[in-house]
Amino acid sequence: MVIAIRPFRSDDAPQVAEIVRRCLREVNSQDYPVEVIDRMCGHFTAARFVELSAGRDIYIADEGGVVGTVSRDGNKVHSMFVDPDAAGRGIGRLLMDHVEALAAADGHEHMEAGASITAHRFYLRRGYQDVRESESGFGLTYLVRKPLRPSAA
């Protein structure tokens, strides 16, 4: 089945929240203590995704159902998650290609993301470079940045 990247709709929120919860519990829990995972799960609810969609662009990887998500606010990437059952199939790459192309078309010279320990290698493989590390209520994250090529629009 073909994977389509499309804008988030509020009725996607329960599926998105469930994917994020599963990623946190099944994957990120290898890198973060349970209290951080619990805090993150409490933050990324369906209602929170609907609320976030009012202020940032959220995209869905759709394969007859939600298999991944990414959010963008200008040249900043937020909340990139792929269903653990669909990992390794290039869905994260498709989502990132989409938001990077949009940011380049908007004239941004670089893309930034707050990468979790779990996602850090993914971003480095995509050409992002470390800017700094930071610690928050959501644990250690890496601020990473990648130059963007101007859009050929």
Protein backbone atom coordinates (compact mmCIF):
# COMPACT_ATOMS: atom_id res chain seq x y z
CA MET A 1 0.00 0.00 0.00
CA VAL A 2 1.18 3.53 -0.77
CA ILE A 3 2.04 5.84 2.09
CA ALA A 4 0.54 9.32 1.67
CA ILE A 5 1.69 12.35 3.66
CA ARG A 6 -1.28 14.56 4.41
CA PRO A 7 -2.32 17.28 6.86
CA PHE A 8 -3.53 16.24 10.30
CA ARG A 9 -7.28 16.21 10.95
CA SER A 10 -8.70 16.36 14.46
CA ASP A 11 -10.19 12.87 14.04
CA ASP A 12 -6.59 11.59 13.64
CA ALA A 13 -5.78 12.65 17.22
CA PRO A 14 -6.62 9.35 18.98
CA GLN A 15 -4.49 7.32 16.53
CA VAL A 16 -1.62 9.81 16.74
CA ALA A 17 -1.68 9.81 20.54
CA GLU A 18 -1.69 5.99 20.58
CA ILE A 19 1.32 5.81 18.21
CA VAL A 20 3.21 8.30 20.37
CA ARG A 21 2.33 6.37 23.54
CA ARG A 22 3.49 3.10 21.97
CA CYS A 23 6.75 4.66 20.72
CA LEU A 24 7.47 6.07 24.15
CA ARG A 25 6.65 2.85 26.01
CA GLU A 26 8.15 0.36 23.52
CA VAL A 27 11.13 2.27 22.08
CA ASN A 28 12.11 5.44 23.99
CA SER A 29 11.84 3.58 27.30
CA GLN A 30 15.21 2.00 26.44
CA ASP A 31 16.82 5.46 26.76
CA TYR A 32 14.73 7.24 29.41
CA PRO A 33 13.58 6.42 32.95
CA VAL A 34 9.96 5.42 33.51
CA GLU A 35 9.06 8.75 35.17
CA VAL A 36 10.12 10.67 32.04
CA ILE A 37 8.18 8.27 29.80
CA ASP A 38 5.11 8.64 32.03
CA ARG A 39 5.39 12.45 31.91
CA MET A 40 5.70 12.41 28.11
CA CYS A 41 2.74 10.04 27.72
CA GLY A 42 0.68 12.36 29.92
CA HIS A 43 1.65 15.30 27.72
CA PHE A 44 1.00 13.79 24.28
CA THR A 45 -2.73 13.15 24.55
CA ALA A 46 -5.27 13.27 21.73
CA ALA A 47 -6.57 16.58 23.10
CA ARG A 48 -3.04 17.98 23.15
CA PHE A 49 -2.51 17.14 19.46
CA VAL A 50 -5.76 18.91 18.55
CA GLU A 51 -4.59 21.90 20.61
CA LEU A 52 -1.13 21.88 18.97
CA SER A 53 -2.66 21.74 15.49
CA ALA A 54 -3.98 25.29 16.00
CA GLY A 55 -0.42 26.65 16.20
CA ARG A 56 1.72 24.35 14.08
CA ASP A 57 1.42 22.23 10.98
CA ILE A 58 0.98 18.55 11.78
CA TYR A 59 1.32 15.92 9.08
CA ILE A 60 0.29 12.30 9.01
CA ALA A 61 1.80 9.33 7.21
CA ASP A 62 -1.33 7.50 6.10
CA GLU A 63 -1.35 3.90 4.88
CA GLY A 64 -5.04 3.19 5.25
CA GLY A 65 -4.56 4.40 8.83
CA VAL A 66 -2.06 6.59 10.65
CA VAL A 67 1.44 5.06 10.69
CA GLY A 68 3.44 8.18 11.61
CA THR A 69 3.35 11.89 12.36
CA VAL A 70 5.53 14.97 12.37
CA SER A 71 4.86 18.59 13.30
CA ARG A 72 6.45 21.72 11.89
CA ASP A 73 6.50 25.30 13.08
CA GLY A 74 8.46 27.27 10.46
CA ASN A 75 11.87 25.62 10.40
CA LYS A 76 11.41 23.65 13.62
CA VAL A 77 10.50 19.97 13.72
CA HIS A 78 8.37 18.68 16.58
CA SER A 79 6.89 15.34 17.57
CA MET A 80 8.18 12.98 14.87
CA PHE A 81 6.95 9.47 15.65
CA VAL A 82 6.45 6.31 13.59
CA ASP A 83 4.32 3.35 14.61
CA PRO A 84 6.76 0.78 16.07
CA ASP A 85 5.14 -1.91 13.89
CA ALA A 86 6.03 0.14 10.78
CA ALA A 87 9.58 1.13 11.80
CA GLY A 88 12.38 0.66 9.30
CA ARG A 89 10.18 1.14 6.23
CA GLY A 90 11.22 4.73 5.43
CA ILE A 91 8.17 6.42 6.94
CA GLY A 92 10.27 8.75 9.11
CA ARG A 93 12.31 9.67 6.05
CA LEU A 94 9.14 10.48 4.08
CA LEU A 95 7.78 12.65 6.89
CA MET A 96 11.08 14.53 7.27
CA ASP A 97 11.49 14.98 3.50
CA HIS A 98 8.03 16.55 3.49
CA VAL A 99 8.58 19.09 6.26
CA GLU A 100 12.12 19.92 5.10
CA ALA A 101 10.83 20.64 1.58
CA LEU A 102 8.09 22.88 2.99
CA ALA A 103 10.58 24.79 5.14
CA ALA A 104 12.94 25.24 2.17
CA ALA A 105 10.03 26.44 0.00
CA ASP A 106 9.20 28.98 2.74
CA GLY A 107 12.77 30.32 2.45
CA HIS A 108 14.27 28.84 5.61
CA GLU A 109 18.02 28.23 5.40
CA HIS A 110 18.08 25.43 7.96
CA MET A 111 15.86 23.00 9.85
CA GLU A 112 16.09 22.42 13.60
CA ALA A 113 14.81 19.65 15.83
CA GLY A 114 14.97 18.66 19.45
CA ALA A 115 16.09 15.06 19.10
CA SER A 116 15.56 12.54 21.85
CA ILE A 117 18.38 10.17 22.71
CA THR A 118 16.36 7.55 20.82
CA ALA A 119 16.02 9.64 17.62
CA HIS A 120 19.46 11.27 17.71
CA ARG A 121 21.13 8.79 15.30
CA PHE A 122 18.19 9.13 12.86
CA TYR A 123 18.75 12.89 12.62
CA LEU A 124 22.53 12.55 12.30
CA ARG A 125 22.05 10.11 9.38
CA ARG A 126 19.84 12.75 7.72
CA GLY A 127 22.65 15.33 7.81
CA TYR A 128 21.72 17.14 11.01
CA GLN A 129 24.53 18.29 13.27
CA ASP A 130 24.56 18.74 17.03
CA VAL A 131 24.20 22.32 18.24
CA ARG A 132 23.84 21.63 21.98
CA GLU A 133 22.40 19.28 24.56
CA SER A 134 19.68 20.31 26.97
CA GLU A 135 17.89 18.78 29.90
CA SER A 136 14.19 19.30 30.58
CA GLY A 137 11.27 17.56 32.21
CA PHE A 138 11.33 15.32 29.17
CA GLY A 139 14.94 14.27 29.78
CA LEU A 140 18.05 14.81 27.71
CA THR A 141 17.54 16.14 24.19
CA TYR A 142 19.89 17.27 21.45
CA LEU A 143 19.25 20.44 19.50
CA VAL A 144 20.21 19.48 15.96
CA ARG A 145 20.35 21.61 12.82
CA LYS A 146 20.57 20.87 9.09
CA PRO A 147 21.15 23.32 6.23
CA LEU A 148 18.37 23.29 3.65
CA ARG A 149 18.78 23.65 -0.07
CA PRO A 150 16.63 26.37 -1.61
CA SER A 151 13.45 25.04 -3.17
CA ALA A 152 13.41 24.70 -6.95
CA ALA A 153 9.91 26.22 -7.04
